Protein backbone atom coordinates (compact mmCIF):
# COMPACT_ATOMS: atom_id res chain seq x y z
CA UNK A 1 7.26 -10.61 -9.81
CA UNK A 2 6.36 -7.53 -7.80
CA UNK A 3 2.84 -6.39 -8.58
CA UNK A 4 2.27 -2.66 -8.35
CA UNK A 5 -0.92 -0.87 -7.38
CA UNK A 6 -1.77 -0.27 -11.03
CA UNK A 7 -1.59 -4.00 -11.73
CA UNK A 8 -3.89 -4.75 -8.80
CA UNK A 9 -6.39 -2.09 -9.80
CA UNK A 10 -6.45 -3.42 -13.36
CA UNK A 11 -7.02 -6.98 -12.12
CA UNK A 12 -9.93 -5.93 -9.90
CA UNK A 13 -11.58 -3.93 -12.69
CA UNK A 14 -11.14 -6.71 -15.26
CA UNK A 15 -12.35 -9.40 -12.88
CA UNK A 16 -15.58 -7.51 -12.30
CA UNK A 17 -15.90 -6.59 -16.00
CA UNK A 18 -15.36 -10.24 -17.04
CA UNK A 19 -18.07 -11.57 -14.76
CA UNK A 20 -15.72 -13.07 -12.18
CA UNK A 21 -13.60 -15.13 -14.55
CA UNK A 22 -9.97 -15.36 -13.42
CA UNK A 23 -8.91 -16.89 -16.77
CA UNK A 24 -10.40 -14.03 -18.78
CA UNK A 25 -8.82 -11.60 -16.30
CA UNK A 26 -5.40 -13.19 -16.79
CA UNK A 27 -5.84 -13.04 -20.56
CA UNK A 28 -6.75 -9.33 -20.42
CA UNK A 29 -3.77 -8.73 -18.12
CA UNK A 30 -1.39 -10.34 -20.61
CA UNK A 31 -2.78 -8.22 -23.43
CA UNK A 32 -2.76 -4.96 -21.45
CA UNK A 33 0.82 -5.36 -20.19
CA UNK A 34 2.15 -7.05 -23.37
CA UNK A 35 3.21 -10.26 -21.64
CA UNK A 36 4.01 -13.47 -23.44
CA UNK A 37 2.38 -16.84 -22.82
CA UNK A 38 5.16 -17.99 -20.50
CA UNK A 39 5.53 -14.78 -18.52
CA UNK A 40 4.17 -14.56 -14.98
CA UNK A 41 0.71 -13.20 -14.34
CA UNK A 42 -1.24 -13.09 -11.07
CA UNK A 43 -2.60 -16.55 -10.32
CA UNK A 44 -6.22 -17.39 -9.56
CA UNK A 45 -5.69 -17.33 -5.78
CA UNK A 46 -4.03 -13.91 -5.91
CA UNK A 47 -6.81 -12.50 -8.09
CA UNK A 48 -9.48 -13.71 -5.67
CA UNK A 49 -7.49 -12.27 -2.75
CA UNK A 50 -7.14 -8.83 -4.36
CA UNK A 51 -10.82 -8.71 -5.30
CA UNK A 52 -11.83 -9.83 -1.81
CA UNK A 53 -9.64 -7.16 -0.20
CA UNK A 54 -11.09 -4.54 -2.51
CA UNK A 55 -14.64 -5.55 -1.65
CA UNK A 56 -13.90 -5.48 2.09
CA UNK A 57 -12.04 -2.16 2.18
CA UNK A 58 -13.35 -0.44 -0.91
CA UNK A 59 -9.83 0.61 -1.76
CA UNK A 60 -6.93 -0.57 -3.83
CA UNK A 61 -3.34 -0.12 -2.79
CA UNK A 62 -3.07 3.11 -4.79
CA UNK A 63 -6.00 4.64 -2.91
CA UNK A 64 -4.39 3.77 0.42
CA UNK A 65 -1.13 5.38 -0.71
CA UNK A 66 -3.00 8.57 -1.57
CA UNK A 67 -4.62 8.67 1.87
CA UNK A 68 -1.24 8.22 3.56
CA UNK A 69 0.33 10.93 1.38
CA UNK A 70 -2.47 13.33 2.32
CA UNK A 71 -1.98 12.60 6.03
CA UNK A 72 1.77 13.14 5.77
CA UNK A 73 1.24 16.38 3.84
CA UNK A 74 -1.02 17.61 6.66
CA UNK A 75 1.90 17.54 9.14
CA UNK A 76 2.94 21.12 9.72
CA UNK A 77 6.41 22.35 10.72
CA UNK A 78 4.92 23.47 14.03
CA UNK A 79 3.80 19.89 14.73
CA UNK A 80 7.30 18.62 14.01
CA UNK A 81 8.84 21.21 16.32
CA UNK A 82 6.43 20.31 19.10
CA UNK A 83 7.32 16.61 18.82
CA UNK A 84 11.03 17.46 18.79
CA UNK A 85 10.63 19.62 21.91
CA UNK A 86 8.72 16.86 23.68
CA UNK A 87 11.42 14.36 22.76
CA UNK A 88 14.22 16.64 23.99
CA UNK A 89 12.35 17.25 27.22
CA UNK A 90 11.77 13.53 27.79
CA UNK A 91 15.38 12.60 27.07
CA UNK A 92 16.78 15.40 29.24
CA UNK A 93 14.73 14.15 32.21
CA UNK A 94 16.00 10.63 31.59
CA UNK A 95 19.57 11.87 31.24
CA UNK A 96 19.60 13.55 34.65
CA UNK A 97 17.77 10.78 36.48
CA UNK A 98 20.29 8.05 35.81
CA UNK A 99 23.71 7.64 37.39
CA UNK A 100 26.65 8.82 35.31
CA UNK A 101 28.41 6.30 33.10
CA UNK A 102 31.97 5.41 34.04
């Protein structure tokens, strides 16, 4: 199953809230997302990995997405035009410096 940022954030919060118990975290995950006993939940190794990544970076996947969206939103049309001009200039120099294709 593909785990979304909301799933990961929930796992990290529950893991900390449940005193570091992966079993209690899995149980809470099943209840929160209305999963049956046989349906897939993040395993113990995955839970530890997500918590470890959160502790190292201080961010969940959702927080990183927000940062990237803010950076993309900061790109102005003038910046895009400047990059396009630089690209055209670089390709036109390359175009004239090579022998013609036959």
